[in-house]
Amino acid sequence: MKNVTDLGGMDGMKKIFLDENIRNVKLVRKLQKLDYKILFKPKGMSDYDLEDWIVTRDDVIMVTRDVEFDLKFVENKSFLIDTSEPVDGCVILIDAFMSQFKEEML
C-alpha cells in the first residue's frame, strides 16, 4: 500500500486526514498554523484501501464533505463538513471538533 502524505505538526496529537473534496491550500495552511498534523491520500490509493488504513489508525481523524464516506466510520473517527461552509468556517469547526482529543492528551 502506498504511504499517506504527511505534512508535519505536533507529535502525540491526533492527525487530520483531509479528504480530496475538502482540501485546499488555504485550509491546510490555517490548520498547520494551529499545529495540526495534516495527512493526504496519495495518488493511486483506492478508497477501499484508504478506509482500511483510517480504521486501523487510532491517531487519525478524517475530515470530509462526502456524506456516504463519512457514514462508513464510527463517531469521532470522521468529521463531516457542509459543502457550503467557507474555509474560515471549516477551520473553526475542525478546531472545535479536534478540541475533544486535545483534552484526552491532558
N, C-alpha and C. Protein backbone atom coordinates (compact mmCIF):
# COMPACT_ATOMS: atom_id res chain seq x y z
N MET A 1 0.84 -1.18 0.00
CA MET A 1 0.00 0.00 0.00
C MET A 1 0.89 1.24 0.00
N LYS A 2 0.46 2.24 -0.75
CA LYS A 2 1.22 3.49 -0.79
C LYS A 2 1.07 4.23 0.52
N ASN A 3 2.08 5.00 0.88
CA ASN A 3 2.05 5.77 2.11
C ASN A 3 1.19 7.01 1.95
N VAL A 4 0.51 7.39 3.03
CA VAL A 4 -0.25 8.62 3.06
C VAL A 4 0.73 9.76 3.24
N THR A 5 0.52 10.86 2.52
CA THR A 5 1.41 12.01 2.60
C THR A 5 1.20 12.74 3.92
N ASP A 6 2.29 13.01 4.61
CA ASP A 6 2.27 13.58 5.95
C ASP A 6 2.90 14.97 5.92
N LEU A 7 2.18 15.99 6.40
CA LEU A 7 2.70 17.36 6.39
C LEU A 7 2.97 17.90 7.79
N GLY A 8 3.70 17.16 8.59
CA GLY A 8 4.19 17.67 9.88
C GLY A 8 3.12 18.07 10.87
N GLY A 9 3.54 18.61 12.00
CA GLY A 9 2.63 19.05 13.05
C GLY A 9 3.09 18.53 14.39
N MET A 10 2.26 18.67 15.39
CA MET A 10 2.63 18.29 16.76
C MET A 10 2.63 16.78 16.92
N ASP A 11 3.67 16.25 17.55
CA ASP A 11 3.72 14.83 17.85
C ASP A 11 2.76 14.52 18.98
N GLY A 12 2.17 13.33 18.95
CA GLY A 12 1.26 12.91 20.00
C GLY A 12 -0.17 13.36 19.78
N MET A 13 -0.39 14.35 18.95
CA MET A 13 -1.74 14.81 18.65
C MET A 13 -2.38 13.93 17.59
N LYS A 14 -3.68 13.90 17.58
CA LYS A 14 -4.40 13.23 16.51
C LYS A 14 -4.07 13.96 15.20
N LYS A 15 -3.94 13.18 14.14
CA LYS A 15 -3.65 13.75 12.82
C LYS A 15 -4.96 13.92 12.06
N ILE A 16 -4.99 14.92 11.19
CA ILE A 16 -6.17 15.19 10.38
C ILE A 16 -5.90 14.69 8.97
N PHE A 17 -6.75 13.77 8.51
CA PHE A 17 -6.70 13.35 7.12
C PHE A 17 -7.75 14.18 6.38
N LEU A 18 -7.30 15.02 5.44
CA LEU A 18 -8.23 15.84 4.66
C LEU A 18 -8.61 15.08 3.39
N ASP A 19 -9.89 14.78 3.26
CA ASP A 19 -10.39 14.13 2.06
C ASP A 19 -10.21 15.08 0.87
N GLU A 20 -10.11 14.52 -0.30
CA GLU A 20 -9.86 15.31 -1.51
C GLU A 20 -10.93 16.37 -1.75
N ASN A 21 -12.16 16.10 -1.30
CA ASN A 21 -13.26 17.01 -1.58
C ASN A 21 -13.27 18.26 -0.69
N ILE A 22 -12.41 18.32 0.29
CA ILE A 22 -12.37 19.50 1.17
C ILE A 22 -11.01 20.19 1.14
N ARG A 23 -10.02 19.51 0.65
CA ARG A 23 -8.64 20.00 0.73
C ARG A 23 -8.42 21.20 -0.19
N ASN A 24 -7.79 22.23 0.35
CA ASN A 24 -7.27 23.34 -0.45
C ASN A 24 -6.13 24.00 0.32
N VAL A 25 -5.32 24.75 -0.37
CA VAL A 25 -4.09 25.31 0.21
C VAL A 25 -4.39 26.21 1.40
N LYS A 26 -5.40 27.05 1.30
CA LYS A 26 -5.72 27.98 2.39
C LYS A 26 -6.12 27.22 3.66
N LEU A 27 -6.93 26.18 3.51
CA LEU A 27 -7.35 25.39 4.65
C LEU A 27 -6.15 24.69 5.30
N VAL A 28 -5.30 24.09 4.48
CA VAL A 28 -4.12 23.39 5.00
C VAL A 28 -3.23 24.35 5.78
N ARG A 29 -2.97 25.51 5.22
CA ARG A 29 -2.10 26.49 5.90
C ARG A 29 -2.68 26.95 7.24
N LYS A 30 -3.97 27.20 7.26
CA LYS A 30 -4.61 27.66 8.50
C LYS A 30 -4.58 26.57 9.58
N LEU A 31 -4.80 25.32 9.17
CA LEU A 31 -4.75 24.23 10.14
C LEU A 31 -3.33 23.99 10.64
N GLN A 32 -2.36 24.13 9.75
CA GLN A 32 -0.96 23.98 10.17
C GLN A 32 -0.56 25.07 11.16
N LYS A 33 -1.09 26.29 10.98
CA LYS A 33 -0.80 27.37 11.93
C LYS A 33 -1.34 27.04 13.32
N LEU A 34 -2.36 26.18 13.37
CA LEU A 34 -2.90 25.75 14.66
C LEU A 34 -2.19 24.48 15.15
N ASP A 35 -1.09 24.14 14.48
CA ASP A 35 -0.23 22.99 14.85
C ASP A 35 -0.85 21.63 14.61
N TYR A 36 -1.79 21.53 13.67
CA TYR A 36 -2.33 20.23 13.32
C TYR A 36 -1.43 19.54 12.30
N LYS A 37 -1.31 18.25 12.45
CA LYS A 37 -0.59 17.41 11.50
C LYS A 37 -1.59 17.00 10.44
N ILE A 38 -1.29 17.29 9.17
CA ILE A 38 -2.21 17.07 8.07
C ILE A 38 -1.73 15.90 7.20
N LEU A 39 -2.67 15.02 6.86
CA LEU A 39 -2.37 13.88 6.01
C LEU A 39 -3.21 13.94 4.74
N PHE A 40 -2.66 13.42 3.64
CA PHE A 40 -3.36 13.38 2.36
C PHE A 40 -3.31 11.99 1.75
N LYS A 41 -4.30 11.68 0.95
CA LYS A 41 -4.34 10.42 0.21
C LYS A 41 -3.39 10.51 -0.98
N PRO A 42 -2.51 9.53 -1.13
CA PRO A 42 -1.61 9.55 -2.28
C PRO A 42 -2.36 9.16 -3.56
N LYS A 43 -1.89 9.64 -4.68
CA LYS A 43 -2.50 9.27 -5.97
C LYS A 43 -2.40 7.77 -6.13
N GLY A 44 -3.45 7.19 -6.65
CA GLY A 44 -3.45 5.76 -6.92
C GLY A 44 -3.98 4.91 -5.79
N MET A 45 -4.14 5.46 -4.59
CA MET A 45 -4.68 4.67 -3.47
C MET A 45 -6.19 4.60 -3.62
N SER A 46 -6.74 3.41 -3.57
CA SER A 46 -8.19 3.25 -3.72
C SER A 46 -8.91 3.71 -2.44
N ASP A 47 -10.18 4.04 -2.58
CA ASP A 47 -10.97 4.42 -1.41
C ASP A 47 -11.08 3.27 -0.42
N TYR A 48 -11.12 2.02 -0.94
CA TYR A 48 -11.19 0.85 -0.06
C TYR A 48 -9.93 0.72 0.79
N ASP A 49 -8.76 0.91 0.16
CA ASP A 49 -7.51 0.87 0.92
C ASP A 49 -7.45 2.00 1.93
N LEU A 50 -7.95 3.17 1.53
CA LEU A 50 -7.97 4.31 2.43
C LEU A 50 -8.85 4.03 3.64
N GLU A 51 -10.04 3.48 3.42
CA GLU A 51 -10.93 3.12 4.52
C GLU A 51 -10.24 2.18 5.49
N ASP A 52 -9.61 1.14 4.96
CA ASP A 52 -8.90 0.18 5.81
C ASP A 52 -7.81 0.86 6.62
N TRP A 53 -7.08 1.76 5.98
CA TRP A 53 -5.99 2.45 6.64
C TRP A 53 -6.52 3.34 7.77
N ILE A 54 -7.56 4.11 7.50
CA ILE A 54 -8.12 5.02 8.50
C ILE A 54 -8.65 4.23 9.71
N VAL A 55 -9.34 3.14 9.46
CA VAL A 55 -9.93 2.34 10.53
C VAL A 55 -8.85 1.78 11.46
N THR A 56 -7.70 1.44 10.93
CA THR A 56 -6.65 0.84 11.75
C THR A 56 -5.78 1.86 12.48
N ARG A 57 -5.98 3.12 12.22
CA ARG A 57 -5.15 4.17 12.83
C ARG A 57 -5.93 4.91 13.91
N ASP A 58 -5.56 4.71 15.15
CA ASP A 58 -6.22 5.41 16.26
C ASP A 58 -5.86 6.88 16.32
N ASP A 59 -4.78 7.25 15.64
CA ASP A 59 -4.28 8.62 15.71
C ASP A 59 -4.73 9.50 14.55
N VAL A 60 -5.69 9.01 13.73
CA VAL A 60 -6.12 9.75 12.54
C VAL A 60 -7.62 9.99 12.57
N ILE A 61 -7.99 11.25 12.28
CA ILE A 61 -9.39 11.66 12.13
C ILE A 61 -9.56 12.16 10.71
N MET A 62 -10.60 11.68 10.02
CA MET A 62 -10.85 12.12 8.65
C MET A 62 -11.83 13.30 8.65
N VAL A 63 -11.56 14.29 7.80
CA VAL A 63 -12.47 15.41 7.58
C VAL A 63 -12.90 15.34 6.13
N THR A 64 -14.22 15.36 5.89
CA THR A 64 -14.75 15.18 4.55
C THR A 64 -16.01 16.01 4.33
N ARG A 65 -16.38 16.15 3.08
CA ARG A 65 -17.67 16.76 2.70
C ARG A 65 -18.59 15.69 2.11
N ASP A 66 -18.13 14.44 2.07
CA ASP A 66 -18.84 13.33 1.44
C ASP A 66 -19.65 12.57 2.50
N VAL A 67 -20.97 12.71 2.44
CA VAL A 67 -21.86 12.10 3.44
C VAL A 67 -21.71 10.58 3.44
N GLU A 68 -21.70 9.95 2.26
CA GLU A 68 -21.61 8.50 2.19
C GLU A 68 -20.29 7.99 2.78
N PHE A 69 -19.21 8.69 2.50
CA PHE A 69 -17.90 8.27 3.03
C PHE A 69 -17.89 8.44 4.54
N ASP A 70 -18.43 9.53 5.03
CA ASP A 70 -18.49 9.78 6.46
C ASP A 70 -19.26 8.69 7.20
N LEU A 71 -20.34 8.21 6.60
CA LEU A 71 -21.19 7.21 7.24
C LEU A 71 -20.50 5.86 7.41
N LYS A 72 -19.41 5.64 6.73
CA LYS A 72 -18.68 4.37 6.83
C LYS A 72 -17.86 4.26 8.11
N PHE A 73 -17.74 5.35 8.85
CA PHE A 73 -16.87 5.38 10.02
C PHE A 73 -17.66 5.60 11.30
N VAL A 74 -17.10 5.13 12.40
CA VAL A 74 -17.75 5.31 13.70
C VAL A 74 -17.64 6.78 14.13
N GLU A 75 -18.47 7.14 15.09
CA GLU A 75 -18.45 8.51 15.61
C GLU A 75 -17.06 8.86 16.12
N ASN A 76 -16.66 10.08 15.91
CA ASN A 76 -15.36 10.62 16.31
C ASN A 76 -14.18 10.08 15.51
N LYS A 77 -14.45 9.35 14.45
CA LYS A 77 -13.39 8.90 13.55
C LYS A 77 -13.40 9.73 12.27
N SER A 78 -14.55 10.33 12.00
CA SER A 78 -14.72 11.14 10.80
C SER A 78 -15.55 12.37 11.17
N PHE A 79 -15.25 13.47 10.51
CA PHE A 79 -15.98 14.73 10.75
C PHE A 79 -16.50 15.24 9.42
N LEU A 80 -17.81 15.38 9.31
CA LEU A 80 -18.47 15.83 8.09
C LEU A 80 -18.70 17.33 8.15
N ILE A 81 -18.29 18.01 7.08
CA ILE A 81 -18.49 19.46 6.98
C ILE A 81 -19.37 19.75 5.77
N ASP A 82 -20.33 20.63 5.95
CA ASP A 82 -21.25 21.01 4.88
C ASP A 82 -20.50 21.58 3.69
N THR A 83 -20.97 21.27 2.50
CA THR A 83 -20.29 21.72 1.27
C THR A 83 -20.31 23.23 1.11
N SER A 84 -21.24 23.92 1.76
CA SER A 84 -21.32 25.37 1.61
C SER A 84 -20.45 26.13 2.62
N GLU A 85 -19.81 25.42 3.53
CA GLU A 85 -19.02 26.07 4.59
C GLU A 85 -17.74 26.67 4.00
N PRO A 86 -17.50 27.98 4.20
CA PRO A 86 -16.26 28.60 3.71
C PRO A 86 -15.04 28.12 4.52
N VAL A 87 -13.86 28.37 4.00
CA VAL A 87 -12.62 27.90 4.62
C VAL A 87 -12.50 28.35 6.07
N ASP A 88 -12.74 29.63 6.34
CA ASP A 88 -12.60 30.12 7.72
C ASP A 88 -13.56 29.39 8.66
N GLY A 89 -14.76 29.12 8.19
CA GLY A 89 -15.73 28.36 8.99
C GLY A 89 -15.27 26.93 9.20
N CYS A 90 -14.68 26.33 8.16
CA CYS A 90 -14.15 24.96 8.28
C CYS A 90 -13.07 24.90 9.35
N VAL A 91 -12.20 25.89 9.38
CA VAL A 91 -11.12 25.91 10.37
C VAL A 91 -11.70 25.95 11.78
N ILE A 92 -12.68 26.80 12.00
CA ILE A 92 -13.32 26.93 13.32
C ILE A 92 -13.98 25.61 13.72
N LEU A 93 -14.71 25.00 12.78
CA LEU A 93 -15.41 23.74 13.08
C LEU A 93 -14.43 22.59 13.34
N ILE A 94 -13.40 22.49 12.51
CA ILE A 94 -12.41 21.43 12.69
C ILE A 94 -11.69 21.59 14.02
N ASP A 95 -11.30 22.81 14.35
CA ASP A 95 -10.60 23.06 15.61
C ASP A 95 -11.50 22.72 16.79
N ALA A 96 -12.76 23.08 16.71
CA ALA A 96 -13.70 22.75 17.79
C ALA A 96 -13.87 21.24 17.93
N PHE A 97 -13.99 20.53 16.81
CA PHE A 97 -14.13 19.08 16.83
C PHE A 97 -12.88 18.43 17.41
N MET A 98 -11.72 18.91 16.99
CA MET A 98 -10.45 18.32 17.43
C MET A 98 -10.14 18.63 18.89
N SER A 99 -10.79 19.65 19.46
CA SER A 99 -10.50 20.02 20.85
C SER A 99 -10.81 18.88 21.82
N GLN A 100 -11.74 18.00 21.49
CA GLN A 100 -12.06 16.87 22.36
C GLN A 100 -10.87 15.93 22.49
N PHE A 101 -10.03 15.85 21.48
CA PHE A 101 -8.87 14.98 21.52
C PHE A 101 -7.69 15.64 22.24
N LYS A 102 -7.64 16.97 22.21
CA LYS A 102 -6.62 17.68 22.98
C LYS A 102 -6.82 17.43 24.45
N GLU A 103 -8.08 17.40 24.89
CA GLU A 103 -8.41 17.17 26.29
C GLU A 103 -8.02 15.77 26.71
N GLU A 104 -8.13 14.78 25.80
CA GLU A 104 -7.74 13.41 26.11
C GLU A 104 -6.25 13.31 26.42
N MET A 105 -5.44 14.18 25.80
CA MET A 105 -3.99 14.13 25.96
C MET A 105 -3.54 14.66 27.31
N LEU A 106 -4.38 15.48 27.96
CA LEU A 106 -4.00 16.12 29.23
C LEU A 106 -4.02 15.14 30.38
